[in-house]
Amino acid sequence: MPFYFVALILKGKSLLDHLAEVTPSLEYLSLLGNEACPNELVSLDKDEDDYQRYRYFVLHKLTNLKFLDTRKVNKKEREEANARGAFMKVVKPKFDMVRPLKGEQ
């Protein structure tokens, strides 16, 4: 099976939504090394909980995945993704959007 590196710039659509639309039977995906993947090995402000929430969200969007990053998708994880995955999107505010409170400058 060939491996491809694809960089997409999508207007108004997330990468996961795009992948779900164009590759609905996708079974294997790795986003390691991508900013979308909160991996504690490449980002000191991320931990295992951030990574697990990311997995639930990806599995919620891409329902046929059997393998995500370096781990096989198990039944319990799939059930959790189906139940709560839609609420697991991790959003990091951009630095310029965070403003100090009055008197904290």
Protein backbone atom coordinates (compact mmCIF):
# COMPACT_ATOMS: atom_id res chain seq x y z
CA MET A 1 0.00 0.00 0.00
CA PRO A 2 1.52 3.36 -0.97
CA PHE A 3 1.81 6.15 1.57
CA TYR A 4 1.07 9.73 0.62
CA PHE A 5 1.80 13.04 2.25
CA VAL A 6 -0.94 15.50 1.42
CA ALA A 7 -1.17 19.17 2.40
CA LEU A 8 -4.66 20.57 2.05
CA ILE A 9 -5.95 24.08 2.45
CA LEU A 10 -9.71 23.87 2.69
CA LYS A 11 -12.10 26.80 2.73
CA GLY A 12 -14.76 26.47 5.42
CA LYS A 13 -14.21 22.74 5.93
CA SER A 14 -12.00 20.89 8.37
CA LEU A 15 -9.51 18.30 7.20
CA LEU A 16 -11.48 15.57 8.97
CA ASP A 17 -14.75 16.59 7.32
CA HIS A 18 -13.00 16.61 3.95
CA LEU A 19 -11.49 13.16 4.53
CA ALA A 20 -14.85 11.77 5.66
CA GLU A 21 -16.41 13.09 2.45
CA VAL A 22 -13.79 11.98 -0.08
CA THR A 23 -12.53 8.79 1.62
CA PRO A 24 -15.49 7.40 3.59
CA SER A 25 -13.88 3.94 3.83
CA LEU A 26 -10.54 5.22 5.19
CA GLU A 27 -9.18 2.68 7.69
CA TYR A 28 -5.63 3.84 8.43
CA LEU A 29 -4.56 7.37 9.30
CA SER A 30 -1.60 8.97 11.02
CA LEU A 31 -1.52 12.66 11.88
CA LEU A 32 1.59 12.37 14.06
CA GLY A 33 3.85 15.34 13.49
CA ASN A 34 0.88 17.42 12.34
CA GLU A 35 -0.22 20.39 14.43
CA ALA A 36 -3.71 18.88 14.56
CA CYS A 37 -2.39 15.98 16.62
CA PRO A 38 -1.79 17.01 20.24
CA ASN A 39 1.20 14.79 20.91
CA GLU A 40 3.02 15.31 24.20
CA LEU A 41 6.29 14.23 22.62
CA VAL A 42 6.36 17.23 20.27
CA SER A 43 4.40 19.75 22.32
CA LEU A 44 5.19 20.25 25.98
CA ASP A 45 1.79 21.77 26.76
CA LYS A 46 -0.07 18.58 25.69
CA ASP A 47 -0.68 15.46 27.73
CA GLU A 48 -2.23 12.02 27.30
CA ASP A 49 -5.73 13.38 28.05
CA ASP A 50 -5.42 15.87 25.18
CA TYR A 51 -4.30 13.06 22.89
CA GLN A 52 -7.17 10.80 23.94
CA ARG A 53 -9.74 13.56 23.35
CA TYR A 54 -8.20 14.06 19.89
CA ARG A 55 -8.56 10.33 19.19
CA TYR A 56 -12.23 10.34 20.23
CA PHE A 57 -12.92 13.35 18.00
CA VAL A 58 -11.13 11.85 14.98
CA LEU A 59 -12.89 8.52 15.45
CA HIS A 60 -16.23 10.31 15.68
CA LYS A 61 -15.55 12.01 12.33
CA LEU A 62 -13.92 9.05 10.56
CA THR A 63 -16.08 6.13 11.62
CA ASN A 64 -14.31 3.40 9.63
CA LEU A 65 -10.82 3.93 11.05
CA LYS A 66 -9.22 0.77 12.36
CA PHE A 67 -5.83 2.29 13.13
CA LEU A 68 -5.07 5.88 14.20
CA ASP A 69 -1.50 7.13 14.53
CA THR A 70 0.42 4.35 16.28
CA ARG A 71 -2.48 2.46 17.89
CA LYS A 72 -5.24 0.15 16.81
CA VAL A 73 -8.77 1.40 17.54
CA ASN A 74 -10.40 -0.81 20.16
CA LYS A 75 -14.09 -1.45 20.85
CA LYS A 76 -14.23 0.60 24.05
CA GLU A 77 -12.57 3.57 22.36
CA ARG A 78 -14.99 3.32 19.42
CA GLU A 79 -17.99 3.30 21.80
CA GLU A 80 -16.66 6.35 23.66
CA ALA A 81 -16.07 8.16 20.36
CA ASN A 82 -19.64 7.42 19.26
CA ALA A 83 -21.06 8.66 22.56
CA ARG A 84 -18.89 11.73 23.22
CA GLY A 85 -16.57 12.30 20.27
CA ALA A 86 -18.51 15.26 18.89
CA PHE A 87 -17.76 17.17 22.10
CA MET A 88 -14.04 16.37 22.23
CA LYS A 89 -12.72 18.91 19.75
CA VAL A 90 -9.76 20.66 21.33
CA VAL A 91 -9.49 24.31 20.34
CA LYS A 92 -6.42 26.29 21.23
CA PRO A 93 -6.91 30.07 21.21
CA LYS A 94 -4.55 32.02 19.04
CA PHE A 95 -2.14 34.17 21.03
CA ASP A 96 -3.34 37.40 19.44
CA MET A 97 -6.93 36.57 20.46
CA VAL A 98 -6.04 36.43 24.16
CA ARG A 99 -6.15 39.85 25.73
CA PRO A 100 -4.91 40.69 29.24
CA LEU A 101 -7.45 41.73 31.83
CA LYS A 102 -7.53 45.38 32.87
CA GLY A 103 -4.54 46.17 35.04
CA GLU A 104 -2.51 43.11 33.93
CA GLN A 105 -0.32 44.78 31.31
